[in-house]
N, C-alpha and C. Protein backbone atom coordinates (compact mmCIF):
# COMPACT_ATOMS: atom_id res chain seq x y z
N UNK A 1 0.74 -1.25 0.17
CA UNK A 1 0.01 -0.04 0.04
C UNK A 1 0.79 1.31 0.05
N UNK A 2 1.97 1.18 0.64
CA UNK A 2 2.85 2.24 0.76
C UNK A 2 3.56 2.68 -0.71
N UNK A 3 3.49 1.92 -1.63
CA UNK A 3 3.95 2.13 -2.93
C UNK A 3 2.66 2.85 -3.73
N UNK A 4 1.59 2.95 -3.15
CA UNK A 4 0.53 3.50 -4.07
C UNK A 4 0.83 4.98 -4.10
N UNK A 5 1.02 5.63 -3.10
CA UNK A 5 1.27 7.13 -3.16
C UNK A 5 2.34 7.55 -4.16
N UNK A 6 3.24 6.84 -3.91
CA UNK A 6 4.57 6.84 -5.06
C UNK A 6 4.25 6.99 -6.42
N UNK A 7 3.24 5.91 -6.59
CA UNK A 7 3.02 5.37 -8.14
C UNK A 7 2.17 6.49 -8.38
N UNK A 8 1.29 7.16 -7.62
CA UNK A 8 0.22 8.31 -7.96
C UNK A 8 1.04 9.43 -8.27
N UNK A 9 2.06 9.75 -7.38
CA UNK A 9 3.14 10.85 -7.57
C UNK A 9 3.63 11.07 -8.79
N UNK A 10 4.19 9.78 -9.10
CA UNK A 10 4.96 9.64 -10.43
C UNK A 10 4.11 9.94 -11.66
N UNK A 11 2.86 9.17 -11.74
CA UNK A 11 1.81 9.37 -12.60
C UNK A 11 1.60 10.85 -12.93
N UNK A 12 1.28 11.59 -11.81
CA UNK A 12 1.12 13.09 -11.96
C UNK A 12 2.33 13.81 -12.42
N UNK A 13 3.50 13.41 -12.13
CA UNK A 13 4.54 14.06 -12.53
C UNK A 13 4.66 13.90 -14.13
N UNK A 14 4.60 12.79 -14.55
CA UNK A 14 4.60 12.36 -16.10
C UNK A 14 3.50 13.11 -16.83
N UNK A 15 2.28 13.43 -15.91
CA UNK A 15 1.30 14.07 -16.92
C UNK A 15 1.59 15.39 -17.10
N UNK A 16 1.89 16.13 -16.04
CA UNK A 16 2.54 17.33 -15.98
C UNK A 16 3.72 17.75 -16.75
N UNK A 17 4.64 16.76 -16.88
CA UNK A 17 5.74 16.87 -17.89
C UNK A 17 5.22 16.74 -19.08
N UNK A 18 4.43 15.69 -19.38
CA UNK A 18 3.75 15.65 -20.95
C UNK A 18 3.10 16.76 -21.28
N UNK A 19 2.47 17.44 -20.63
CA UNK A 19 1.59 18.66 -20.83
C UNK A 19 2.35 19.96 -21.00
N UNK A 20 3.35 20.15 -20.62
CA UNK A 20 4.22 21.28 -20.41
C UNK A 20 4.50 21.64 -22.02
N UNK A 21 4.33 22.91 -22.30
CA UNK A 21 4.82 23.62 -23.41
C UNK A 21 5.84 24.66 -23.32
N UNK A 22 6.88 24.59 -23.78
CA UNK A 22 8.13 25.58 -23.59
C UNK A 22 7.72 26.99 -24.22
N UNK A 23 8.33 27.92 -23.62
CA UNK A 23 8.15 29.22 -24.30
C UNK A 23 8.66 29.50 -25.87
N UNK A 24 9.59 28.82 -26.01
CA UNK A 24 10.21 28.78 -27.38
C UNK A 24 9.18 28.11 -28.19
N UNK A 25 8.68 26.92 -27.83
CA UNK A 25 7.54 26.45 -28.79
C UNK A 25 6.41 27.22 -28.95
N UNK A 26 5.94 28.02 -27.80
CA UNK A 26 4.85 28.96 -28.12
C UNK A 26 5.02 30.02 -28.94
N UNK A 27 6.38 30.49 -28.79
CA UNK A 27 6.71 31.68 -29.72
C UNK A 27 6.88 31.24 -31.14
N UNK A 28 7.51 30.09 -31.44
CA UNK A 28 7.53 29.47 -32.86
C UNK A 28 6.13 29.59 -33.22
N UNK A 29 5.29 28.85 -32.65
CA UNK A 29 3.67 28.83 -33.02
C UNK A 29 3.12 30.06 -33.30
N UNK A 30 3.36 31.06 -32.63
CA UNK A 30 2.92 32.39 -32.89
C UNK A 30 3.58 33.09 -34.04
N UNK A 31 4.88 32.66 -34.23
CA UNK A 31 5.68 33.40 -35.35
C UNK A 31 5.05 32.54 -36.71
N UNK A 32 4.83 31.40 -36.57
CA UNK A 32 4.15 30.83 -37.81
C UNK A 32 2.92 31.32 -38.13
N UNK A 33 1.93 31.51 -37.12
CA UNK A 33 0.84 31.83 -37.23
C UNK A 33 0.79 33.18 -38.03
N UNK A 34 1.47 34.33 -37.37
CA UNK A 34 1.80 35.67 -37.78
C UNK A 34 2.24 35.64 -39.25
N UNK A 35 3.23 34.64 -39.54
CA UNK A 35 3.74 34.68 -40.85
C UNK A 35 2.70 34.17 -41.97
N UNK A 36 1.73 33.15 -41.55
CA UNK A 36 0.77 32.72 -42.34
C UNK A 36 -0.36 33.88 -42.66
N UNK A 37 -0.58 34.64 -41.46
CA UNK A 37 -1.52 35.81 -41.80
C UNK A 37 -0.83 36.84 -42.70
N UNK A 38 0.33 37.18 -42.64
CA UNK A 38 0.94 37.98 -43.49
C UNK A 38 1.04 37.40 -44.85
N UNK A 39 1.35 36.17 -45.08
CA UNK A 39 1.28 35.45 -46.46
C UNK A 39 -0.14 35.72 -46.95
N UNK A 40 -1.24 35.36 -46.23
CA UNK A 40 -2.65 35.29 -46.59
C UNK A 40 -3.13 36.85 -47.05
N UNK A 41 -2.68 37.97 -46.13
CA UNK A 41 -3.04 39.19 -46.41
C UNK A 41 -2.22 39.75 -47.89
N UNK A 42 -1.07 39.21 -47.96
CA UNK A 42 -0.20 39.59 -49.22
C UNK A 42 -1.04 39.13 -50.45
N UNK A 43 -1.35 37.81 -50.18
CA UNK A 43 -1.94 36.99 -51.45
C UNK A 43 -3.08 37.89 -51.83
N UNK A 44 -4.03 37.99 -50.73
CA UNK A 44 -5.03 39.01 -51.08
C UNK A 44 -4.87 40.22 -51.84
N UNK A 45 -3.89 40.94 -51.29
CA UNK A 45 -3.54 42.12 -51.82
C UNK A 45 -3.07 42.10 -53.41
N UNK A 46 -2.32 40.87 -53.47
CA UNK A 46 -1.71 40.63 -54.92
C UNK A 46 -3.13 40.27 -55.72
N UNK A 47 -4.15 39.63 -55.46
CA UNK A 47 -5.28 39.62 -56.16
C UNK A 47 -6.22 40.82 -56.40
N UNK A 48 -5.97 41.79 -55.79
CA UNK A 48 -6.77 42.82 -55.81
C UNK A 48 -6.38 43.67 -57.17
N UNK A 49 -7.41 44.57 -57.64
CA UNK A 49 -7.13 45.24 -58.91
C UNK A 49 -6.14 46.42 -58.47
N UNK A 50 -5.49 46.84 -59.43
CA UNK A 50 -4.48 47.93 -59.13
C UNK A 50 -4.37 48.81 -60.44
N UNK A 51 -3.60 49.81 -60.14
CA UNK A 51 -3.35 50.91 -61.39
C UNK A 51 -2.68 50.02 -62.67
N UNK A 52 -3.23 50.13 -63.84
CA UNK A 52 -2.42 49.59 -65.03
C UNK A 52 -3.35 48.28 -65.49
N UNK A 53 -4.13 47.87 -64.69
CA UNK A 53 -4.96 46.64 -65.10
C UNK A 53 -5.91 47.06 -66.18
N UNK A 54 -6.41 46.18 -66.76
CA UNK A 54 -7.43 46.53 -67.85
C UNK A 54 -8.67 45.44 -67.27
N UNK A 55 -9.93 46.12 -67.17
CA UNK A 55 -10.97 45.08 -67.11
C UNK A 55 -12.03 45.37 -68.02
N UNK A 56 -12.80 44.43 -68.05
CA UNK A 56 -14.32 44.27 -69.04
C UNK A 56 -15.32 44.42 -68.00
N UNK A 57 -16.38 45.25 -68.34
CA UNK A 57 -17.46 45.42 -67.78
C UNK A 57 -18.71 44.94 -68.66
N UNK A 58 -19.24 43.72 -68.34
CA UNK A 58 -20.27 43.39 -69.42
C UNK A 58 -21.81 43.37 -68.70
N UNK A 59 -22.68 43.64 -69.60
CA UNK A 59 -24.09 43.64 -69.31
C UNK A 59 -24.83 42.72 -70.16
N UNK A 60 -25.01 41.45 -69.67
CA UNK A 60 -25.87 40.42 -70.61
C UNK A 60 -27.15 41.11 -71.35
N UNK A 61 -27.81 41.84 -70.40
CA UNK A 61 -28.97 42.26 -70.93
C UNK A 61 -29.10 43.73 -71.96
N UNK A 62 -28.02 44.10 -71.89
CA UNK A 62 -27.68 45.36 -72.76
C UNK A 62 -26.07 45.33 -73.13
N UNK A 63 -25.92 44.67 -74.24
CA UNK A 63 -24.77 44.31 -74.77
C UNK A 63 -23.95 45.56 -75.22
N UNK A 64 -24.79 46.61 -75.69
CA UNK A 64 -24.32 47.86 -76.17
C UNK A 64 -23.66 48.78 -74.94
N UNK A 65 -23.67 48.40 -73.80
CA UNK A 65 -23.13 49.27 -72.71
C UNK A 65 -21.71 48.26 -72.28
N UNK A 66 -21.33 47.24 -72.79
CA UNK A 66 -20.21 46.63 -72.59
C UNK A 66 -19.01 47.45 -72.92
N UNK A 67 -18.24 47.40 -71.74
CA UNK A 67 -16.86 48.35 -71.94
C UNK A 67 -15.69 47.78 -71.48
N UNK A 68 -14.57 47.86 -72.13
CA UNK A 68 -13.17 47.45 -71.70
C UNK A 68 -12.34 48.71 -71.10
N UNK A 69 -12.09 48.72 -70.03
CA UNK A 69 -11.68 49.94 -69.09
C UNK A 69 -10.45 49.70 -68.52
N UNK A 70 -9.41 50.93 -68.86
CA UNK A 70 -8.16 50.70 -68.12
C UNK A 70 -8.25 51.38 -66.85
N UNK A 71 -7.52 50.65 -65.87
CA UNK A 71 -7.52 51.42 -64.28
C UNK A 71 -6.66 52.43 -64.33
N UNK A 72 -6.94 53.60 -64.27
CA UNK A 72 -5.87 54.92 -64.41
C UNK A 72 -5.13 54.71 -63.20
N UNK A 73 -4.10 55.78 -63.14
CA UNK A 73 -3.30 56.06 -62.22
C UNK A 73 -3.76 56.45 -60.88
N UNK A 74 -4.89 57.03 -60.89
CA UNK A 74 -5.81 57.36 -59.72
C UNK A 74 -6.74 56.36 -59.15
N UNK A 75 -6.53 54.93 -59.91
CA UNK A 75 -7.27 53.89 -59.16
C UNK A 75 -8.64 53.94 -59.63
N UNK A 76 -9.03 54.87 -60.54
CA UNK A 76 -10.46 54.79 -61.11
C UNK A 76 -10.54 54.24 -62.66
N UNK A 77 -11.75 53.92 -63.04
CA UNK A 77 -12.11 53.66 -64.31
C UNK A 77 -13.46 54.57 -64.68
N UNK A 78 -13.68 54.81 -65.88
CA UNK A 78 -14.81 55.65 -66.47
C UNK A 78 -15.88 54.63 -66.82
N UNK A 79 -16.95 54.31 -66.03
CA UNK A 79 -18.12 53.48 -66.09
C UNK A 79 -19.08 54.12 -67.06
N UNK A 80 -19.72 53.19 -68.02
CA UNK A 80 -20.87 53.70 -68.65
C UNK A 80 -21.88 54.42 -67.95
N UNK A 81 -22.57 55.50 -68.08
CA UNK A 81 -23.78 55.91 -67.42
C UNK A 81 -23.51 56.52 -65.98
N UNK A 82 -22.35 56.06 -65.56
CA UNK A 82 -22.05 56.38 -64.00
C UNK A 82 -20.78 57.39 -64.05
N UNK A 83 -19.72 57.00 -64.87
CA UNK A 83 -18.64 58.09 -64.79
C UNK A 83 -17.63 57.39 -63.85
N UNK A 84 -16.60 58.12 -63.51
CA UNK A 84 -15.52 57.81 -62.68
C UNK A 84 -15.99 57.05 -61.41
N UNK A 85 -15.03 55.84 -61.30
CA UNK A 85 -15.53 54.95 -59.97
C UNK A 85 -14.16 54.26 -59.34
N UNK A 86 -13.85 54.13 -58.31
CA UNK A 86 -12.76 53.88 -57.75
C UNK A 86 -12.88 52.32 -57.87
N UNK A 87 -11.79 51.59 -58.31
CA UNK A 87 -11.77 50.03 -58.21
C UNK A 87 -10.46 49.67 -57.83
N UNK A 88 -9.44 50.31 -57.61
CA UNK A 88 -7.99 49.69 -57.29
C UNK A 88 -8.30 49.41 -55.71
N UNK A 89 -7.69 48.42 -55.40
CA UNK A 89 -7.58 47.29 -54.11
C UNK A 89 -8.79 46.70 -54.05
N UNK A 90 -9.75 46.33 -55.06
CA UNK A 90 -10.70 45.59 -54.91
C UNK A 90 -10.54 44.49 -55.64
N UNK A 91 -11.36 43.27 -55.14
CA UNK A 91 -11.33 42.14 -55.83
C UNK A 91 -12.35 42.14 -57.01
N UNK A 92 -12.21 41.35 -58.14
CA UNK A 92 -13.05 41.01 -59.09
C UNK A 92 -14.48 40.86 -58.49
N UNK A 93 -14.75 39.96 -57.49
CA UNK A 93 -15.73 39.51 -57.04
C UNK A 93 -16.46 40.66 -56.20
N UNK A 94 -15.74 41.48 -55.51
CA UNK A 94 -16.38 42.49 -54.72
C UNK A 94 -16.71 43.53 -55.55
N UNK A 95 -15.91 43.88 -56.73
CA UNK A 95 -16.20 44.90 -57.62
C UNK A 95 -17.76 44.58 -58.36
N UNK A 96 -17.78 43.14 -58.67
CA UNK A 96 -19.05 42.86 -59.35
C UNK A 96 -20.12 43.16 -58.57
N UNK A 97 -20.05 42.75 -57.33
CA UNK A 97 -21.20 42.92 -56.43
C UNK A 97 -21.54 44.44 -56.23
N UNK A 98 -20.42 45.42 -56.28
CA UNK A 98 -20.62 46.63 -56.23
C UNK A 98 -21.24 47.36 -57.38
N UNK A 99 -20.90 46.76 -58.43
CA UNK A 99 -21.49 47.56 -59.65
C UNK A 99 -22.89 46.90 -59.94
N UNK A 100 -23.28 45.60 -59.45
CA UNK A 100 -24.54 45.32 -59.63
C UNK A 100 -25.52 45.97 -58.75
N UNK A 101 -25.04 46.32 -57.64
CA UNK A 101 -26.15 47.16 -56.77
C UNK A 101 -26.05 48.90 -57.39
N UNK A 102 -24.92 49.03 -57.93
CA UNK A 102 -24.91 50.50 -58.56
C UNK A 102 -25.88 50.52 -59.82
N UNK A 103 -25.92 49.66 -60.72
CA UNK A 103 -26.54 49.71 -61.80
C UNK A 103 -28.08 49.04 -61.73
N UNK A 104 -28.20 48.24 -60.59
CA UNK A 104 -29.58 47.53 -60.55
C UNK A 104 -30.76 48.61 -60.95
N UNK A 105 -30.88 49.94 -60.44
CA UNK A 105 -32.06 50.61 -60.67
C UNK A 105 -32.06 50.99 -62.11
N UNK A 106 -31.10 50.64 -62.86
CA UNK A 106 -31.23 51.21 -64.48
C UNK A 106 -31.47 50.04 -65.26
N UNK A 107 -31.25 48.56 -64.57
CA UNK A 107 -31.25 47.47 -65.65
C UNK A 107 -32.34 46.46 -65.42
N UNK A 108 -33.04 46.02 -66.56
CA UNK A 108 -34.04 45.11 -66.56
C UNK A 108 -33.62 43.77 -66.25
N UNK A 109 -32.51 43.60 -66.84
CA UNK A 109 -31.82 42.21 -66.64
C UNK A 109 -30.78 42.60 -65.61
N UNK A 110 -30.89 42.09 -64.35
CA UNK A 110 -29.98 42.48 -63.02
C UNK A 110 -28.59 41.53 -63.08
N UNK A 111 -27.96 41.84 -64.11
CA UNK A 111 -26.64 41.15 -64.76
C UNK A 111 -25.68 42.12 -64.71
N UNK A 112 -24.38 42.06 -63.99
CA UNK A 112 -23.31 42.67 -64.52
C UNK A 112 -22.12 41.64 -64.18
N UNK A 113 -21.30 41.75 -65.42
CA UNK A 113 -20.21 40.81 -65.11
C UNK A 113 -18.81 41.62 -65.28
N UNK A 114 -17.83 41.34 -64.39
CA UNK A 114 -16.37 42.06 -64.38
C UNK A 114 -15.47 40.95 -64.74
N UNK A 115 -14.52 41.04 -65.54
CA UNK A 115 -13.27 40.26 -65.74
C UNK A 115 -12.20 40.95 -65.96
N UNK A 116 -11.11 40.33 -65.81
CA UNK A 116 -9.66 40.94 -65.90
C UNK A 116 -9.29 40.49 -67.26
N UNK A 117 -9.09 41.77 -67.99
CA UNK A 117 -8.35 41.31 -69.27
C UNK A 117 -6.87 41.32 -69.42
N UNK A 118 -6.30 42.31 -68.62
CA UNK A 118 -4.71 42.19 -68.56
C UNK A 118 -4.38 42.90 -67.23
N UNK A 119 -3.17 42.35 -66.90
CA UNK A 119 -2.76 42.93 -65.58
C UNK A 119 -1.35 43.08 -65.66
N UNK A 120 -0.82 44.34 -65.73
CA UNK A 120 0.70 44.79 -65.88
C UNK A 120 0.91 46.12 -64.94
N UNK A 121 2.15 46.11 -64.51
CA UNK A 121 2.38 47.25 -63.91
C UNK A 121 3.95 47.40 -63.92
N UNK A 122 4.52 48.53 -63.47
CA UNK A 122 5.97 49.10 -63.71
C UNK A 122 6.31 49.14 -62.35
N UNK A 123 7.69 48.24 -62.23
CA UNK A 123 8.36 48.81 -60.96
C UNK A 123 9.91 48.90 -61.47
N UNK A 124 10.62 48.99 -60.32
CA UNK A 124 12.18 49.21 -60.73
C UNK A 124 12.85 48.34 -59.69
N UNK A 125 14.09 48.06 -60.26
CA UNK A 125 15.24 47.28 -59.50
C UNK A 125 16.46 48.00 -59.59
N UNK A 126 17.14 48.13 -58.55
CA UNK A 126 18.44 49.09 -58.61
C UNK A 126 19.52 48.40 -57.60
N UNK A 127 20.61 48.88 -57.63
CA UNK A 127 21.49 48.38 -56.69
C UNK A 127 22.55 47.41 -57.30
N UNK A 128 22.57 46.07 -56.45
CA UNK A 128 23.70 45.18 -57.01
C UNK A 128 22.83 44.18 -57.62
N UNK A 129 22.45 44.42 -58.77
CA UNK A 129 21.67 43.28 -59.71
C UNK A 129 22.41 43.40 -61.04
N UNK A 130 22.24 42.34 -61.89
CA UNK A 130 22.93 42.33 -63.20
C UNK A 130 22.34 43.40 -64.25
N UNK A 131 21.17 43.50 -64.12
CA UNK A 131 20.28 44.61 -64.97
C UNK A 131 19.45 45.32 -64.24
N UNK A 132 19.91 46.49 -63.76
CA UNK A 132 19.09 47.14 -63.01
C UNK A 132 18.22 48.16 -63.99
N UNK A 133 17.31 48.54 -63.27
CA UNK A 133 16.34 49.39 -64.59
C UNK A 133 14.85 48.84 -64.21
N UNK A 134 13.93 49.24 -65.07
CA UNK A 134 12.26 49.37 -65.07
C UNK A 134 12.16 47.75 -65.51
N UNK A 135 10.95 47.33 -64.66
CA UNK A 135 10.53 46.03 -65.12
C UNK A 135 9.04 46.10 -65.48
N UNK A 136 8.38 45.78 -66.18
CA UNK A 136 6.87 45.50 -66.54
C UNK A 136 6.47 44.18 -66.13
N UNK A 137 5.83 44.23 -65.16
CA UNK A 137 5.26 42.72 -64.68
C UNK A 137 3.85 42.57 -65.28
N UNK A 138 3.65 41.49 -65.67
CA UNK A 138 2.30 40.91 -66.05
C UNK A 138 1.65 39.90 -65.23
N UNK A 139 2.19 39.76 -63.95
CA UNK A 139 1.45 38.90 -63.05
C UNK A 139 1.92 39.39 -61.73
N UNK A 140 1.50 38.89 -60.59
CA UNK A 140 1.86 39.37 -59.13
C UNK A 140 3.21 38.76 -59.07
N UNK A 141 4.12 39.48 -58.57
CA UNK A 141 5.33 39.30 -58.53
C UNK A 141 6.02 39.75 -57.07
N UNK A 142 6.97 38.89 -56.61
CA UNK A 142 7.56 38.97 -55.28
C UNK A 142 8.87 39.94 -55.57
N UNK A 143 9.38 40.49 -54.48
CA UNK A 143 10.76 41.33 -54.53
C UNK A 143 11.85 40.34 -54.93
N UNK A 144 11.71 39.11 -54.57
CA UNK A 144 12.93 38.02 -55.06
C UNK A 144 12.47 37.87 -56.53
N UNK A 145 11.30 37.61 -56.96
CA UNK A 145 11.25 37.50 -58.38
C UNK A 145 11.45 38.63 -59.30
N UNK A 146 11.42 39.87 -58.70
CA UNK A 146 11.63 41.05 -59.46
C UNK A 146 13.31 41.03 -59.84
N UNK A 147 13.85 40.56 -58.44
CA UNK A 147 15.44 40.66 -58.73
C UNK A 147 15.83 39.70 -59.71
N UNK A 148 15.20 38.53 -59.57
CA UNK A 148 15.48 37.65 -60.87
C UNK A 148 15.26 38.18 -62.19
N UNK A 149 14.25 38.59 -62.33
CA UNK A 149 13.92 39.41 -63.53
C UNK A 149 14.96 40.65 -64.06
N UNK A 150 15.62 40.93 -62.93
CA UNK A 150 16.55 42.05 -63.37
C UNK A 150 18.04 41.19 -63.39
N UNK A 151 18.03 40.06 -64.02
CA UNK A 151 19.31 39.18 -64.01
C UNK A 151 19.80 38.61 -62.66
N UNK A 152 19.14 38.73 -61.79
CA UNK A 152 19.71 38.16 -60.79
C UNK A 152 20.78 39.08 -59.91
N UNK A 153 20.99 38.60 -58.66
CA UNK A 153 21.85 39.57 -57.99
C UNK A 153 23.37 39.28 -58.19
N UNK A 154 24.23 40.32 -57.80
CA UNK A 154 25.39 40.34 -58.15
C UNK A 154 26.02 39.40 -56.75
N UNK A 155 26.54 38.36 -56.94
CA UNK A 155 26.99 37.43 -56.11
C UNK A 155 28.19 37.98 -55.07
N UNK A 156 29.03 38.67 -55.86
CA UNK A 156 30.11 39.40 -55.16
C UNK A 156 29.68 40.46 -54.23
N UNK A 157 28.85 41.27 -54.81
CA UNK A 157 28.50 42.41 -54.04
C UNK A 157 27.21 42.53 -53.28
N UNK A 158 26.15 41.83 -53.58
CA UNK A 158 24.86 42.02 -52.82
C UNK A 158 24.97 41.42 -51.48
N UNK A 159 24.03 42.34 -50.86
CA UNK A 159 23.80 42.18 -49.36
C UNK A 159 22.25 41.67 -49.33
N UNK A 160 21.83 40.47 -49.42
CA UNK A 160 20.51 40.08 -49.41
C UNK A 160 19.81 40.08 -48.17
N UNK A 161 20.40 40.26 -47.13
CA UNK A 161 20.01 40.38 -45.72
C UNK A 161 19.37 41.64 -45.57
N UNK A 162 19.53 42.78 -46.44
CA UNK A 162 18.90 44.19 -46.14
C UNK A 162 18.30 44.63 -47.65
N UNK A 163 17.63 43.65 -48.29
CA UNK A 163 16.99 44.44 -49.40
C UNK A 163 15.85 45.24 -48.94
N UNK A 164 15.82 46.61 -49.69
CA UNK A 164 14.88 47.45 -49.36
C UNK A 164 13.77 47.62 -50.27
N UNK A 165 12.46 47.87 -50.08
CA UNK A 165 11.32 47.92 -51.04
C UNK A 165 11.01 49.41 -50.60
N UNK A 166 11.04 50.43 -51.57
CA UNK A 166 10.54 51.77 -51.32
C UNK A 166 9.27 51.75 -52.12
N UNK A 167 8.29 52.45 -51.47
CA UNK A 167 6.78 52.29 -51.93
C UNK A 167 6.13 53.61 -51.45
N UNK A 168 5.35 54.13 -52.51
CA UNK A 168 4.45 55.28 -52.19
C UNK A 168 3.20 54.94 -51.72
N UNK A 169 2.78 55.22 -50.47
CA UNK A 169 1.82 54.66 -50.04
C UNK A 169 0.84 55.68 -48.90
N UNK A 170 -0.36 55.82 -49.38
CA UNK A 170 -1.11 56.88 -48.45
C UNK A 170 -0.49 58.23 -48.37
N UNK A 171 0.18 58.69 -49.55
CA UNK A 171 0.74 59.82 -49.75
C UNK A 171 2.12 60.17 -49.11
N UNK A 172 2.53 59.06 -48.51
CA UNK A 172 3.93 59.07 -47.89
C UNK A 172 5.00 57.89 -48.61
N UNK A 173 6.17 58.38 -48.48
CA UNK A 173 7.15 57.29 -49.01
C UNK A 173 7.51 56.46 -47.94
N UNK A 174 7.19 55.05 -48.03
CA UNK A 174 7.66 54.12 -47.00
C UNK A 174 8.56 53.06 -47.49
N UNK A 175 9.46 52.48 -46.54
CA UNK A 175 10.19 51.44 -46.95
C UNK A 175 10.32 50.33 -46.15
N UNK A 176 10.28 49.15 -46.69
CA UNK A 176 10.46 47.92 -46.02
C UNK A 176 11.75 47.05 -46.23
N UNK A 177 12.31 46.85 -45.20
CA UNK A 177 13.73 45.81 -45.37
C UNK A 177 13.36 44.41 -45.14
N UNK A 178 14.00 43.65 -46.36
CA UNK A 178 13.65 42.15 -46.22
C UNK A 178 14.85 41.41 -46.17
N UNK A 179 14.92 40.27 -45.59
CA UNK A 179 16.09 39.32 -45.50
C UNK A 179 15.83 38.24 -46.66
N UNK A 180 16.38 38.45 -47.69
CA UNK A 180 16.08 37.47 -48.93
C UNK A 180 17.06 36.44 -48.87
N UNK A 181 18.10 36.60 -47.90
CA UNK A 181 19.04 35.47 -47.80
C UNK A 181 18.57 34.43 -47.23
N UNK A 182 17.14 34.36 -46.42
CA UNK A 182 16.60 33.11 -45.98
C UNK A 182 16.14 32.28 -46.99
N UNK A 183 15.92 32.85 -48.20
CA UNK A 183 15.58 32.14 -49.36
C UNK A 183 16.56 30.80 -49.65
N UNK A 184 17.72 31.11 -49.39
CA UNK A 184 18.80 30.10 -49.88
C UNK A 184 19.32 29.49 -48.71
N UNK A 185 19.22 30.16 -47.49
CA UNK A 185 19.66 29.27 -46.20
C UNK A 185 18.57 28.40 -45.77
N UNK A 186 17.39 28.26 -46.32
CA UNK A 186 16.29 27.44 -45.85
C UNK A 186 15.48 27.84 -44.67
N UNK A 187 15.49 29.27 -44.17
CA UNK A 187 14.80 29.74 -43.34
C UNK A 187 13.59 30.17 -43.82
N UNK A 188 12.58 30.37 -42.82
CA UNK A 188 11.33 30.75 -43.35
C UNK A 188 11.17 32.06 -43.87
N UNK A 189 10.56 32.17 -45.28
CA UNK A 189 10.70 33.62 -45.89
C UNK A 189 9.26 33.64 -46.49
N UNK A 190 8.28 34.62 -46.07
CA UNK A 190 7.11 34.83 -46.69
C UNK A 190 7.30 35.77 -47.91
N UNK A 191 6.79 35.27 -49.16
CA UNK A 191 7.00 36.11 -50.30
C UNK A 191 6.38 37.43 -49.86
N UNK A 192 7.27 38.73 -50.39
CA UNK A 192 6.74 40.21 -50.16
C UNK A 192 6.39 40.55 -51.70
N UNK A 193 5.16 40.56 -51.90
CA UNK A 193 4.57 40.91 -53.20
C UNK A 193 4.44 42.50 -53.12
N UNK A 194 4.92 42.71 -54.51
CA UNK A 194 5.07 44.06 -55.05
C UNK A 194 4.03 44.88 -55.41
N UNK A 195 3.89 46.06 -55.57
CA UNK A 195 2.70 46.98 -56.04
C UNK A 195 3.28 47.98 -57.09
N UNK A 196 2.43 48.48 -58.09
CA UNK A 196 2.92 49.42 -58.96
C UNK A 196 3.95 50.39 -58.53
N UNK A 197 4.71 50.77 -59.18
CA UNK A 197 5.92 51.62 -59.02
C UNK A 197 6.81 51.51 -57.76
N UNK A 198 6.73 50.37 -57.22
CA UNK A 198 7.72 50.02 -55.91
C UNK A 198 9.29 49.98 -56.65
N UNK A 199 10.21 50.35 -55.85
CA UNK A 199 11.41 50.17 -55.99
C UNK A 199 12.16 49.25 -55.22
N UNK A 200 12.80 48.30 -55.88
CA UNK A 200 13.47 47.43 -54.93
C UNK A 200 14.96 47.69 -55.20
N UNK A 201 15.43 47.94 -53.88
CA UNK A 201 17.03 48.24 -54.04
C UNK A 201 17.75 47.14 -53.19
N UNK A 202 18.85 46.54 -53.95
CA UNK A 202 19.72 45.47 -53.41
C UNK A 202 21.07 46.15 -52.94
N UNK A 203 21.29 46.45 -51.70
CA UNK A 203 22.49 47.10 -51.13
C UNK A 203 23.61 46.25 -51.45
N UNK A 204 24.96 46.97 -51.58
CA UNK A 204 26.26 46.20 -51.58
C UNK A 204 26.75 45.87 -50.12
N UNK A 205 27.42 44.67 -50.04
CA UNK A 205 28.04 44.23 -48.85
C UNK A 205 29.17 45.33 -48.29
N UNK A 206 29.24 45.54 -47.11
CA UNK A 206 30.19 46.62 -46.66
C UNK A 206 31.72 45.74 -46.40
N UNK A 207 32.63 46.48 -47.21
CA UNK A 207 33.89 45.53 -47.06
C UNK A 207 34.75 46.48 -46.46
N UNK A 208 35.87 45.79 -45.52
CA UNK A 208 36.83 46.40 -44.87
C UNK A 208 38.05 46.28 -45.79
N UNK A 209 38.74 47.74 -45.98
CA UNK A 209 40.06 47.64 -46.77
C UNK A 209 41.21 47.54 -45.73
């Protein structure tokens, strides 16, 4: 009987040990979740309409109103009967619902269709790359992809741990520093998707003489 308390104590210790979660494990889980959220948000941003895109707005009940419209630099298009309307930053699905509500009072057939005709935008890559300059992207593109489009980085000079993306956002110039070296070292690296007119700068390594 004396051994029973000892066995119970041992079992309790084993249960407590088995249920313990270390701080590092919690931190890793939180970091993974935050990285996934960031990736999901950037994917959503990459699928949104942007300046330079061309969309087609179709009215099955009134084909004569069909129009192919470029998204201007101000993020707007000139809609039939409605005039200028902001579309940049919206998904095709969201814009379709919005236009359906907008046109509904004027349509007998309550149908509006929106499709993406083409998607291209300009960005710039400079610094320690082989072919610095302007790139016209016809698909969503990450900072790493843009560097590859610019001929790749200069292996002798490029510092991929401190790549900078410069962006005009909300009337301000903002910069984002990326560690793209993780792509080659096997570390976790969430793609950083670019927006129109972004500039990707690959700095050079600091050398002691």
